[in-house]
Amino acid sequence: FFLMIRRPPRSTQSRSSAASDVYKRQDPSKSFKSTKIVHRLDKKTSGVILISKNMASARELGQYFREKSLEKIYIGVVQGIPEPFRLKGITEGLVNDDLMWDTINRKAIAAAPSDDITGGTYYKMLSTFKYGKNPLVHTFNSTQTQGSLTVSEEESKQYHSILLFKLISGKKHQIRAHCSLCLKSPILQDFTYHYQRTEFDKTFRKVYQT
């Protein structure tokens, strides 16, 4: 038995206390000491969390994740138009550049392109938009190449894009690093990975209170 809950970003509760609190709201008369969150999300990431009611269901769900029977999908807003689309009209693909950890600056750095197709970050463009007095929205409804947007790298920073991600492998900061270092489109407000402020930030902070 398990519950699925939507966790807001910047949640600071520990895994055990968060799980127990959810079940206590369902049935205040019982004590839930064996509850467990069976997977993690980064502190600043919102999304669905699976919480097991007991250790047996936690082990079963954990096995599904290890066997990749369950798939985690991420949606992210990035700055700019991803370089593969801007230059070649490619709307989806696999980024599998190796990553190394910079212990001094505490962030991932790109090491070298890899031929390994069993790991990396799969991405797919869902839409791209330009914020301002004359907004422009471009959506993608198929996997076919749909022509690039002819803008310079500097002009691209006036746009934001919405991407879908699937982790084929999982390294620290993998999506964040691959977006910035390989797609040349850092995650919205990810200043560690070279995000640059724009007028869109004011609206974003107002709506999402970040």
N, C-alpha and C. Protein backbone atom coordinates (compact mmCIF):
# COMPACT_ATOMS: atom_id res chain seq x y z
N PHE A 1 0.85 -1.19 0.00
CA PHE A 1 0.00 0.00 0.00
C PHE A 1 0.88 1.24 0.00
N PHE A 2 0.52 2.24 -0.78
CA PHE A 2 1.31 3.46 -0.82
C PHE A 2 0.42 4.63 -1.22
N LEU A 3 0.92 5.83 -0.97
CA LEU A 3 0.25 7.06 -1.37
C LEU A 3 1.13 7.81 -2.36
N MET A 4 0.48 8.57 -3.22
CA MET A 4 1.19 9.49 -4.11
C MET A 4 0.79 10.90 -3.70
N ILE A 5 1.78 11.75 -3.42
CA ILE A 5 1.49 13.13 -3.05
C ILE A 5 2.31 14.07 -3.92
N ARG A 6 1.81 15.28 -4.08
CA ARG A 6 2.56 16.31 -4.79
C ARG A 6 3.35 17.11 -3.77
N ARG A 7 4.64 17.05 -3.89
CA ARG A 7 5.49 17.78 -2.95
C ARG A 7 5.89 19.12 -3.54
N PRO A 8 5.69 20.22 -2.78
CA PRO A 8 6.09 21.54 -3.29
C PRO A 8 7.60 21.69 -3.25
N PRO A 9 8.14 22.65 -4.00
CA PRO A 9 9.59 22.87 -3.96
C PRO A 9 10.03 23.42 -2.62
N ARG A 10 11.30 23.25 -2.32
CA ARG A 10 11.94 23.77 -1.10
C ARG A 10 11.37 23.16 0.18
N SER A 11 10.84 21.95 0.09
CA SER A 11 10.37 21.26 1.28
C SER A 11 11.56 20.90 2.16
N THR A 12 11.45 21.15 3.47
CA THR A 12 12.59 20.93 4.37
C THR A 12 12.36 19.77 5.33
N GLN A 13 11.20 19.11 5.27
CA GLN A 13 10.94 17.99 6.17
C GLN A 13 11.84 16.82 5.85
N SER A 14 12.19 16.06 6.88
CA SER A 14 12.96 14.84 6.66
C SER A 14 12.07 13.80 5.99
N ARG A 15 12.69 12.81 5.40
CA ARG A 15 11.94 11.79 4.67
C ARG A 15 11.00 11.04 5.60
N SER A 16 11.47 10.66 6.79
CA SER A 16 10.63 9.86 7.69
C SER A 16 9.48 10.68 8.27
N SER A 17 9.76 11.92 8.69
CA SER A 17 8.70 12.73 9.29
C SER A 17 7.66 13.11 8.25
N ALA A 18 8.08 13.40 7.03
CA ALA A 18 7.14 13.75 5.97
C ALA A 18 6.20 12.59 5.69
N ALA A 19 6.74 11.39 5.60
CA ALA A 19 5.93 10.21 5.33
C ALA A 19 4.93 9.96 6.45
N SER A 20 5.39 10.05 7.69
CA SER A 20 4.49 9.82 8.82
C SER A 20 3.38 10.85 8.88
N ASP A 21 3.71 12.10 8.65
CA ASP A 21 2.71 13.17 8.71
C ASP A 21 1.60 12.97 7.69
N VAL A 22 1.97 12.51 6.48
CA VAL A 22 0.95 12.28 5.45
C VAL A 22 -0.04 11.22 5.90
N TYR A 23 0.45 10.12 6.43
CA TYR A 23 -0.46 9.05 6.85
C TYR A 23 -1.27 9.43 8.09
N LYS A 24 -0.68 10.22 8.97
CA LYS A 24 -1.43 10.66 10.15
C LYS A 24 -2.62 11.52 9.76
N ARG A 25 -2.48 12.30 8.69
CA ARG A 25 -3.62 13.10 8.23
C ARG A 25 -4.71 12.21 7.66
N GLN A 26 -4.33 11.04 7.13
CA GLN A 26 -5.33 10.10 6.62
C GLN A 26 -6.07 9.39 7.75
N ASP A 27 -5.34 9.04 8.82
CA ASP A 27 -5.94 8.33 9.95
C ASP A 27 -5.21 8.74 11.23
N PRO A 28 -5.68 9.82 11.90
CA PRO A 28 -5.00 10.35 13.09
C PRO A 28 -4.94 9.38 14.25
N SER A 29 -5.80 8.34 14.25
CA SER A 29 -5.87 7.43 15.39
C SER A 29 -4.73 6.41 15.40
N LYS A 30 -3.98 6.31 14.32
CA LYS A 30 -2.94 5.28 14.22
C LYS A 30 -1.55 5.89 14.19
N SER A 31 -0.60 5.06 14.54
CA SER A 31 0.81 5.46 14.49
C SER A 31 1.46 4.79 13.29
N PHE A 32 2.14 5.57 12.49
CA PHE A 32 2.77 5.03 11.29
C PHE A 32 4.29 5.22 11.42
N LYS A 33 4.94 4.25 12.07
CA LYS A 33 6.37 4.35 12.30
C LYS A 33 7.20 3.70 11.20
N SER A 34 6.55 2.91 10.33
CA SER A 34 7.29 2.19 9.30
C SER A 34 7.15 2.83 7.93
N THR A 35 6.58 4.02 7.87
CA THR A 35 6.40 4.68 6.58
C THR A 35 7.76 5.08 6.01
N LYS A 36 7.82 5.15 4.70
CA LYS A 36 9.09 5.49 4.06
C LYS A 36 8.84 6.11 2.70
N ILE A 37 9.57 7.18 2.39
CA ILE A 37 9.58 7.74 1.05
C ILE A 37 10.57 6.92 0.23
N VAL A 38 10.11 6.35 -0.88
CA VAL A 38 10.91 5.35 -1.57
C VAL A 38 11.80 5.93 -2.67
N HIS A 39 11.69 7.21 -2.94
CA HIS A 39 12.61 7.84 -3.88
C HIS A 39 12.75 9.31 -3.49
N ARG A 40 13.70 10.00 -4.08
CA ARG A 40 13.98 11.36 -3.64
C ARG A 40 13.79 12.37 -4.76
N LEU A 41 13.55 13.60 -4.34
CA LEU A 41 13.57 14.75 -5.24
C LEU A 41 14.49 15.79 -4.63
N ASP A 42 15.20 16.52 -5.46
CA ASP A 42 16.04 17.59 -4.94
C ASP A 42 15.18 18.62 -4.22
N LYS A 43 15.79 19.34 -3.30
CA LYS A 43 15.07 20.28 -2.45
C LYS A 43 14.24 21.28 -3.24
N LYS A 44 14.80 21.79 -4.34
CA LYS A 44 14.12 22.83 -5.11
C LYS A 44 13.20 22.28 -6.18
N THR A 45 13.03 20.96 -6.22
CA THR A 45 12.21 20.32 -7.25
C THR A 45 10.85 19.94 -6.69
N SER A 46 9.78 20.34 -7.38
CA SER A 46 8.44 19.90 -7.00
C SER A 46 8.10 18.65 -7.81
N GLY A 47 7.11 17.89 -7.33
CA GLY A 47 6.73 16.70 -8.08
C GLY A 47 6.04 15.67 -7.23
N VAL A 48 5.79 14.52 -7.83
CA VAL A 48 5.08 13.43 -7.16
C VAL A 48 6.05 12.60 -6.35
N ILE A 49 5.66 12.30 -5.12
CA ILE A 49 6.45 11.45 -4.22
C ILE A 49 5.62 10.22 -3.88
N LEU A 50 6.24 9.04 -3.92
CA LEU A 50 5.59 7.80 -3.50
C LEU A 50 5.99 7.51 -2.05
N ILE A 51 4.98 7.28 -1.20
CA ILE A 51 5.23 7.00 0.21
C ILE A 51 4.63 5.65 0.54
N SER A 52 5.45 4.73 1.02
CA SER A 52 4.97 3.39 1.38
C SER A 52 4.42 3.41 2.81
N LYS A 53 3.45 2.53 3.04
CA LYS A 53 2.85 2.43 4.37
C LYS A 53 3.67 1.55 5.30
N ASN A 54 4.39 0.60 4.73
CA ASN A 54 5.19 -0.32 5.54
C ASN A 54 6.44 -0.72 4.76
N MET A 55 7.32 -1.45 5.41
CA MET A 55 8.59 -1.81 4.80
C MET A 55 8.42 -2.78 3.64
N ALA A 56 7.39 -3.63 3.70
CA ALA A 56 7.17 -4.59 2.61
C ALA A 56 6.86 -3.87 1.30
N SER A 57 5.97 -2.88 1.37
CA SER A 57 5.64 -2.14 0.15
C SER A 57 6.81 -1.26 -0.29
N ALA A 58 7.63 -0.79 0.68
CA ALA A 58 8.81 0.00 0.33
C ALA A 58 9.81 -0.85 -0.46
N ARG A 59 10.00 -2.10 -0.02
CA ARG A 59 10.92 -2.98 -0.74
C ARG A 59 10.40 -3.30 -2.14
N GLU A 60 9.08 -3.49 -2.26
CA GLU A 60 8.50 -3.81 -3.56
C GLU A 60 8.65 -2.63 -4.53
N LEU A 61 8.34 -1.43 -4.05
CA LEU A 61 8.48 -0.25 -4.90
C LEU A 61 9.94 0.00 -5.25
N GLY A 62 10.83 -0.22 -4.27
CA GLY A 62 12.25 -0.05 -4.53
C GLY A 62 12.74 -0.99 -5.62
N GLN A 63 12.21 -2.20 -5.62
CA GLN A 63 12.59 -3.18 -6.65
C GLN A 63 12.13 -2.71 -8.03
N TYR A 64 10.94 -2.13 -8.09
CA TYR A 64 10.44 -1.62 -9.38
C TYR A 64 11.37 -0.54 -9.93
N PHE A 65 11.84 0.34 -9.04
CA PHE A 65 12.75 1.39 -9.49
C PHE A 65 14.09 0.80 -9.95
N ARG A 66 14.59 -0.19 -9.22
CA ARG A 66 15.87 -0.79 -9.61
C ARG A 66 15.77 -1.50 -10.95
N GLU A 67 14.61 -2.14 -11.20
CA GLU A 67 14.40 -2.84 -12.46
C GLU A 67 13.95 -1.91 -13.57
N LYS A 68 13.73 -0.62 -13.21
CA LYS A 68 13.27 0.39 -14.15
C LYS A 68 11.89 0.06 -14.73
N SER A 69 11.08 -0.63 -13.90
CA SER A 69 9.68 -0.87 -14.27
C SER A 69 8.87 0.40 -14.08
N LEU A 70 9.33 1.27 -13.18
CA LEU A 70 8.73 2.58 -12.98
C LEU A 70 9.65 3.62 -13.61
N GLU A 71 9.07 4.59 -14.23
CA GLU A 71 9.85 5.59 -14.95
C GLU A 71 9.55 6.98 -14.39
N LYS A 72 10.60 7.71 -14.08
CA LYS A 72 10.45 9.08 -13.60
C LYS A 72 10.64 10.05 -14.77
N ILE A 73 9.69 10.96 -14.91
CA ILE A 73 9.73 11.96 -15.98
C ILE A 73 9.79 13.34 -15.34
N TYR A 74 10.66 14.18 -15.85
CA TYR A 74 10.83 15.53 -15.33
C TYR A 74 10.42 16.54 -16.41
N ILE A 75 9.84 17.64 -15.97
CA ILE A 75 9.52 18.76 -16.85
C ILE A 75 10.29 19.98 -16.33
N GLY A 76 10.99 20.65 -17.22
CA GLY A 76 11.78 21.79 -16.78
C GLY A 76 11.68 22.96 -17.74
N VAL A 77 11.83 24.16 -17.19
CA VAL A 77 11.89 25.38 -18.00
C VAL A 77 13.35 25.80 -18.09
N VAL A 78 13.84 25.98 -19.30
CA VAL A 78 15.24 26.35 -19.49
C VAL A 78 15.33 27.70 -20.20
N GLN A 79 16.45 28.34 -20.04
CA GLN A 79 16.69 29.62 -20.70
C GLN A 79 17.19 29.39 -22.12
N GLY A 80 16.61 30.13 -23.05
CA GLY A 80 17.08 30.06 -24.42
C GLY A 80 16.44 28.94 -25.22
N ILE A 81 16.94 28.78 -26.42
CA ILE A 81 16.51 27.71 -27.33
C ILE A 81 17.64 26.69 -27.36
N PRO A 82 17.39 25.45 -26.95
CA PRO A 82 18.46 24.46 -26.93
C PRO A 82 19.24 24.42 -28.26
N GLU A 83 20.53 24.37 -28.14
CA GLU A 83 21.40 24.50 -29.31
C GLU A 83 21.10 23.48 -30.42
N PRO A 84 20.79 22.21 -30.11
CA PRO A 84 20.51 21.27 -31.20
C PRO A 84 19.32 21.69 -32.07
N PHE A 85 18.33 22.35 -31.48
CA PHE A 85 17.20 22.83 -32.27
C PHE A 85 17.54 24.14 -32.97
N ARG A 86 18.21 25.03 -32.26
CA ARG A 86 18.54 26.34 -32.84
C ARG A 86 19.42 26.20 -34.06
N LEU A 87 20.32 25.22 -34.06
CA LEU A 87 21.26 25.07 -35.17
C LEU A 87 20.83 24.04 -36.21
N LYS A 88 20.16 22.96 -35.74
CA LYS A 88 19.88 21.85 -36.65
C LYS A 88 18.41 21.44 -36.71
N GLY A 89 17.56 22.08 -35.90
CA GLY A 89 16.15 21.73 -35.91
C GLY A 89 15.83 20.43 -35.20
N ILE A 90 16.72 19.95 -34.33
CA ILE A 90 16.51 18.69 -33.62
C ILE A 90 15.70 18.96 -32.36
N THR A 91 14.55 18.29 -32.21
CA THR A 91 13.66 18.56 -31.09
C THR A 91 13.81 17.58 -29.93
N GLU A 92 14.53 16.48 -30.12
CA GLU A 92 14.72 15.53 -29.03
C GLU A 92 16.00 14.74 -29.27
N GLY A 93 16.50 14.15 -28.18
CA GLY A 93 17.73 13.39 -28.33
C GLY A 93 18.26 12.93 -26.99
N LEU A 94 19.44 12.33 -27.03
CA LEU A 94 20.10 11.81 -25.84
C LEU A 94 21.40 12.57 -25.63
N VAL A 95 21.54 13.17 -24.46
CA VAL A 95 22.80 13.82 -24.09
C VAL A 95 23.54 12.86 -23.18
N ASN A 96 24.68 12.36 -23.63
CA ASN A 96 25.40 11.37 -22.83
C ASN A 96 26.85 11.76 -22.58
N ASP A 97 27.12 13.07 -22.58
CA ASP A 97 28.46 13.52 -22.25
C ASP A 97 28.80 13.11 -20.81
N ASP A 98 30.00 12.58 -20.63
CA ASP A 98 30.44 12.23 -19.28
C ASP A 98 30.54 13.48 -18.41
N LEU A 99 30.24 13.31 -17.12
CA LEU A 99 30.33 14.42 -16.18
C LEU A 99 31.32 14.08 -15.07
N MET A 100 32.08 15.07 -14.67
CA MET A 100 32.97 14.95 -13.52
C MET A 100 32.51 15.95 -12.46
N TRP A 101 32.87 15.69 -11.20
CA TRP A 101 32.46 16.57 -10.12
C TRP A 101 33.61 17.49 -9.72
N ASP A 102 33.34 18.79 -9.77
CA ASP A 102 34.30 19.80 -9.37
C ASP A 102 34.16 20.01 -7.87
N THR A 103 35.07 19.44 -7.09
CA THR A 103 34.94 19.48 -5.63
C THR A 103 35.17 20.88 -5.07
N ILE A 104 35.89 21.72 -5.79
CA ILE A 104 36.16 23.08 -5.30
C ILE A 104 34.93 23.97 -5.46
N ASN A 105 34.35 23.97 -6.65
CA ASN A 105 33.17 24.81 -6.91
C ASN A 105 31.85 24.08 -6.67
N ARG A 106 31.94 22.79 -6.30
CA ARG A 106 30.77 21.99 -5.95
C ARG A 106 29.72 21.98 -7.07
N LYS A 107 30.15 21.62 -8.25
CA LYS A 107 29.23 21.47 -9.36
C LYS A 107 29.83 20.52 -10.39
N ALA A 108 28.98 20.03 -11.28
CA ALA A 108 29.44 19.10 -12.31
C ALA A 108 30.07 19.85 -13.46
N ILE A 109 31.07 19.23 -14.07
CA ILE A 109 31.69 19.80 -15.26
C ILE A 109 31.73 18.73 -16.34
N ALA A 110 31.61 19.15 -17.58
CA ALA A 110 31.62 18.19 -18.68
C ALA A 110 33.04 17.70 -18.92
N ALA A 111 33.18 16.38 -19.07
CA ALA A 111 34.49 15.80 -19.32
C ALA A 111 34.72 15.60 -20.80
N ALA A 112 33.85 14.80 -21.43
CA ALA A 112 34.03 14.51 -22.86
C ALA A 112 32.77 13.84 -23.38
N PRO A 113 32.47 14.00 -24.67
CA PRO A 113 31.34 13.25 -25.27
C PRO A 113 31.57 11.75 -25.12
N SER A 114 30.48 11.01 -25.04
CA SER A 114 30.56 9.57 -24.85
C SER A 114 29.75 8.86 -25.92
N ASP A 115 30.17 7.66 -26.28
CA ASP A 115 29.42 6.83 -27.23
C ASP A 115 28.48 5.88 -26.52
N ASP A 116 28.44 5.95 -25.20
CA ASP A 116 27.60 5.04 -24.41
C ASP A 116 26.13 5.47 -24.52
N ILE A 117 25.30 4.63 -25.15
CA ILE A 117 23.87 4.97 -25.29
C ILE A 117 23.03 4.39 -24.16
N THR A 118 23.69 3.75 -23.19
CA THR A 118 22.94 3.16 -22.07
C THR A 118 22.82 4.13 -20.91
N GLY A 119 23.41 5.31 -21.02
CA GLY A 119 23.34 6.30 -19.95
C GLY A 119 23.10 7.68 -20.53
N GLY A 120 22.90 8.64 -19.62
CA GLY A 120 22.71 10.02 -20.06
C GLY A 120 21.34 10.55 -19.76
N THR A 121 21.00 11.64 -20.42
CA THR A 121 19.72 12.33 -20.23
C THR A 121 18.99 12.42 -21.56
N TYR A 122 17.80 11.80 -21.61
CA TYR A 122 16.94 11.97 -22.79
C TYR A 122 16.14 13.25 -22.62
N TYR A 123 16.02 14.03 -23.68
CA TYR A 123 15.24 15.26 -23.60
C TYR A 123 14.33 15.37 -24.83
N LYS A 124 13.24 16.08 -24.65
CA LYS A 124 12.32 16.36 -25.76
C LYS A 124 11.75 17.76 -25.57
N MET A 125 11.82 18.57 -26.61
CA MET A 125 11.26 19.92 -26.54
C MET A 125 9.74 19.87 -26.63
N LEU A 126 9.06 20.54 -25.71
CA LEU A 126 7.61 20.64 -25.73
C LEU A 126 7.15 21.97 -26.31
N SER A 127 7.85 23.04 -25.94
CA SER A 127 7.52 24.36 -26.49
C SER A 127 8.65 25.32 -26.21
N THR A 128 8.66 26.41 -26.95
CA THR A 128 9.59 27.50 -26.67
C THR A 128 8.81 28.80 -26.78
N PHE A 129 9.16 29.78 -25.96
CA PHE A 129 8.38 31.02 -25.96
C PHE A 129 9.28 32.22 -25.69
N LYS A 130 8.83 33.35 -26.20
CA LYS A 130 9.53 34.61 -25.99
C LYS A 130 8.62 35.51 -25.16
N TYR A 131 9.13 35.95 -24.02
CA TYR A 131 8.35 36.75 -23.10
C TYR A 131 8.54 38.23 -23.41
N GLY A 132 7.45 39.01 -23.29
CA GLY A 132 7.57 40.45 -23.51
C GLY A 132 6.31 41.02 -24.13
N LYS A 133 6.45 42.22 -24.74
CA LYS A 133 5.29 42.89 -25.31
C LYS A 133 4.73 42.14 -26.52
N ASN A 134 5.59 41.47 -27.24
CA ASN A 134 5.15 40.70 -28.41
C ASN A 134 5.51 39.22 -28.20
N PRO A 135 4.75 38.53 -27.33
CA PRO A 135 5.10 37.14 -26.99
C PRO A 135 4.99 36.22 -28.21
N LEU A 136 5.84 35.22 -28.20
CA LEU A 136 5.86 34.24 -29.27
C LEU A 136 5.92 32.86 -28.65
N VAL A 137 5.03 31.97 -29.05
CA VAL A 137 5.01 30.60 -28.53
C VAL A 137 5.09 29.63 -29.70
N HIS A 138 5.99 28.67 -29.60
CA HIS A 138 6.13 27.64 -30.62
C HIS A 138 6.05 26.29 -29.92
N THR A 139 5.10 25.45 -30.30
CA THR A 139 4.94 24.13 -29.68
C THR A 139 5.35 23.05 -30.65
N PHE A 140 5.66 21.87 -30.08
CA PHE A 140 6.14 20.75 -30.88
C PHE A 140 5.22 19.56 -30.63
N ASN A 141 4.63 19.04 -31.70
CA ASN A 141 3.63 17.98 -31.56
C ASN A 141 4.06 16.64 -32.15
N SER A 142 5.26 16.58 -32.69
CA SER A 142 5.72 15.32 -33.27
C SER A 142 7.21 15.19 -33.02
N THR A 143 7.75 14.02 -33.35
CA THR A 143 9.17 13.78 -33.15
C THR A 143 10.00 14.17 -34.37
N GLN A 144 9.34 14.68 -35.40
CA GLN A 144 10.06 15.02 -36.62
C GLN A 144 10.76 16.37 -36.49
N THR A 145 11.86 16.51 -37.20
CA THR A 145 12.54 17.79 -37.26
C THR A 145 11.61 18.83 -37.88
N GLN A 146 11.48 19.99 -37.22
CA GLN A 146 10.49 20.97 -37.65
C GLN A 146 11.11 22.30 -38.05
N GLY A 147 12.39 22.31 -38.37
CA GLY A 147 13.02 23.56 -38.77
C GLY A 147 13.50 24.33 -37.55
N SER A 148 14.61 24.97 -37.67
CA SER A 148 15.18 25.69 -36.54
C SER A 148 14.60 27.09 -36.46
N LEU A 149 14.76 27.72 -35.28
CA LEU A 149 14.43 29.13 -35.13
C LEU A 149 15.71 29.91 -35.42
N THR A 150 15.67 30.74 -36.41
CA THR A 150 16.88 31.43 -36.85
C THR A 150 17.13 32.65 -35.98
N VAL A 151 17.80 32.42 -34.87
CA VAL A 151 18.19 33.51 -33.97
C VAL A 151 19.63 33.25 -33.54
N SER A 152 20.30 34.29 -33.16
CA SER A 152 21.67 34.15 -32.70
C SER A 152 21.69 33.60 -31.28
N GLU A 153 22.88 33.21 -30.83
CA GLU A 153 23.01 32.69 -29.47
C GLU A 153 22.60 33.76 -28.46
N GLU A 154 22.96 35.01 -28.71
CA GLU A 154 22.59 36.09 -27.79
C GLU A 154 21.09 36.35 -27.83
N GLU A 155 20.49 36.37 -29.00
CA GLU A 155 19.03 36.56 -29.11
C GLU A 155 18.27 35.41 -28.46
N SER A 156 18.85 34.22 -28.49
CA SER A 156 18.21 33.06 -27.91
C SER A 156 17.92 33.23 -26.42
N LYS A 157 18.74 34.05 -25.74
CA LYS A 157 18.57 34.25 -24.30
C LYS A 157 17.28 34.98 -23.97
N GLN A 158 16.63 35.59 -24.97
CA GLN A 158 15.35 36.24 -24.75
C GLN A 158 14.20 35.23 -24.72
N TYR A 159 14.49 34.00 -25.08
CA TYR A 159 13.48 32.93 -25.12
C TYR A 159 13.64 32.03 -23.90
N HIS A 160 12.57 31.28 -23.62
CA HIS A 160 12.63 30.17 -22.67
C HIS A 160 11.96 28.97 -23.34
N SER A 161 12.36 27.79 -22.95
CA SER A 161 11.81 26.58 -23.54
C SER A 161 11.37 25.62 -22.44
N ILE A 162 10.35 24.83 -22.73
CA ILE A 162 9.87 23.80 -21.80
C ILE A 162 10.29 22.44 -22.36
N LEU A 163 11.01 21.69 -21.55
CA LEU A 163 11.55 20.41 -21.98
C LEU A 163 11.08 19.27 -21.08
N LEU A 164 10.96 18.11 -21.66
CA LEU A 164 10.70 16.87 -20.92
C LEU A 164 12.02 16.12 -20.82
N PHE A 165 12.28 15.54 -19.63
CA PHE A 165 13.53 14.81 -19.41
C PHE A 165 13.25 13.41 -18.86
N LYS A 166 14.09 12.47 -19.24
CA LYS A 166 14.13 11.14 -18.62
C LYS A 166 15.59 10.82 -18.33
N LEU A 167 15.85 10.39 -17.11
CA LEU A 167 17.21 10.03 -16.73
C LEU A 167 17.47 8.58 -17.11
N ILE A 168 18.40 8.36 -18.04
CA ILE A 168 18.80 7.00 -18.38
C ILE A 168 19.79 6.50 -17.34
N SER A 169 20.65 7.40 -16.88
CA SER A 169 21.53 7.14 -15.74
C SER A 169 21.33 8.29 -14.78
N GLY A 170 21.88 8.20 -13.60
CA GLY A 170 21.64 9.27 -12.64
C GLY A 170 22.91 9.70 -11.91
N LYS A 171 23.47 10.83 -12.32
CA LYS A 171 24.60 11.40 -11.62
C LYS A 171 24.19 12.73 -10.99
N LYS A 172 24.94 13.16 -10.02
CA LYS A 172 24.61 14.38 -9.31
C LYS A 172 24.56 15.56 -10.27
N HIS A 173 23.47 16.33 -10.21
CA HIS A 173 23.26 17.52 -11.04
C HIS A 173 23.20 17.17 -12.53
N GLN A 174 22.84 15.95 -12.87
CA GLN A 174 22.96 15.52 -14.26
C GLN A 174 22.11 16.36 -15.22
N ILE A 175 20.81 16.52 -14.92
CA ILE A 175 19.95 17.29 -15.81
C ILE A 175 20.42 18.74 -15.88
N ARG A 176 20.73 19.30 -14.73
CA ARG A 176 21.17 20.70 -14.68
C ARG A 176 22.44 20.91 -15.50
N ALA A 177 23.39 20.01 -15.35
CA ALA A 177 24.67 20.16 -16.06
C ALA A 177 24.51 19.91 -17.55
N HIS A 178 23.75 18.89 -17.93
CA HIS A 178 23.56 18.60 -19.35
C HIS A 178 22.82 19.73 -20.05
N CYS A 179 21.84 20.34 -19.37
CA CYS A 179 21.12 21.46 -19.97
C CYS A 179 22.07 22.63 -20.24
N SER A 180 22.86 22.98 -19.25
CA SER A 180 23.71 24.15 -19.38
C SER A 180 24.93 23.90 -20.27
N LEU A 181 25.63 22.81 -20.02
CA LEU A 181 26.92 22.59 -20.67
C LEU A 181 26.79 22.00 -22.07
N CYS A 182 25.72 21.22 -22.31
CA CYS A 182 25.59 20.53 -23.60
C CYS A 182 24.49 21.12 -24.48
N LEU A 183 23.35 21.44 -23.89
CA LEU A 183 22.27 22.05 -24.67
C LEU A 183 22.39 23.56 -24.72
N LYS A 184 23.29 24.11 -23.90
CA LYS A 184 23.51 25.56 -23.82
C LYS A 184 22.24 26.30 -23.39
N SER A 185 21.44 25.64 -22.54
CA SER A 185 20.18 26.21 -22.05
C SER A 185 20.02 25.86 -20.58
N PRO A 186 20.55 26.68 -19.67
CA PRO A 186 20.46 26.37 -18.24
C PRO A 186 19.04 26.38 -17.72
N ILE A 187 18.80 25.59 -16.69
CA ILE A 187 17.50 25.56 -16.02
C ILE A 187 17.17 26.94 -15.46
N LEU A 188 15.90 27.29 -15.51
CA LEU A 188 15.43 28.59 -15.03
C LEU A 188 15.93 28.86 -13.61
N GLN A 189 16.60 29.99 -13.44
CA GLN A 189 17.14 30.47 -12.17
C GLN A 189 18.20 29.56 -11.54
N ASP A 190 18.82 28.73 -12.35
CA ASP A 190 19.92 27.89 -11.86
C ASP A 190 21.23 28.65 -12.07
N PHE A 191 21.53 29.53 -11.14
CA PHE A 191 22.69 30.42 -11.28
C PHE A 191 24.00 29.66 -11.16
N THR A 192 23.99 28.50 -10.53
CA THR A 192 25.20 27.68 -10.46
C THR A 192 25.65 27.26 -11.85
N TYR A 193 24.68 27.08 -12.73
CA TYR A 193 24.99 26.62 -14.08
C TYR A 193 24.67 27.70 -15.13
N HIS A 194 25.08 28.93 -14.80
CA HIS A 194 25.18 30.01 -15.79
C HIS A 194 23.84 30.58 -16.26
N TYR A 195 22.78 30.46 -15.46
CA TYR A 195 21.54 31.15 -15.84
C TYR A 195 21.72 32.65 -15.70
N GLN A 196 21.21 33.41 -16.67
CA GLN A 196 21.32 34.88 -16.65
C GLN A 196 19.93 35.49 -16.47
N ARG A 197 19.82 36.44 -15.58
CA ARG A 197 18.52 37.05 -15.27
C ARG A 197 17.93 37.76 -16.49
N THR A 198 16.57 37.69 -16.59
CA THR A 198 15.84 38.41 -17.63
C THR A 198 14.59 39.01 -17.00
N GLU A 199 13.82 39.74 -17.79
CA GLU A 199 12.56 40.31 -17.31
C GLU A 199 11.57 39.22 -16.91
N PHE A 200 11.70 38.04 -17.49
CA PHE A 200 10.79 36.94 -17.18
C PHE A 200 10.91 36.51 -15.72
N ASP A 201 12.08 36.72 -15.12
CA ASP A 201 12.29 36.29 -13.73
C ASP A 201 11.32 36.97 -12.77
N LYS A 202 11.01 38.25 -13.02
CA LYS A 202 10.11 38.97 -12.13
C LYS A 202 8.73 38.32 -12.10
N THR A 203 8.23 37.97 -13.28
CA THR A 203 6.93 37.32 -13.35
C THR A 203 6.98 35.94 -12.72
N PHE A 204 8.05 35.20 -12.99
CA PHE A 204 8.19 33.87 -12.43
C PHE A 204 8.20 33.89 -10.91
N ARG A 205 8.97 34.79 -10.32
CA ARG A 205 9.06 34.87 -8.86
C ARG A 205 7.73 35.29 -8.26
N LYS A 206 6.99 36.16 -8.95
CA LYS A 206 5.71 36.61 -8.43
C LYS A 206 4.69 35.49 -8.41
N VAL A 207 4.67 34.70 -9.49
CA VAL A 207 3.68 33.61 -9.60
C VAL A 207 4.02 32.47 -8.66
N TYR A 208 5.31 32.08 -8.60
CA TYR A 208 5.71 30.91 -7.85
C TYR A 208 6.34 31.24 -6.50
N GLN A 209 6.48 32.53 -6.19
CA GLN A 209 6.97 32.98 -4.90
C GLN A 209 8.31 32.35 -4.56
N THR A 210 9.26 32.40 -5.52
CA THR A 210 10.58 31.83 -5.29
C THR A 210 11.53 32.89 -4.79
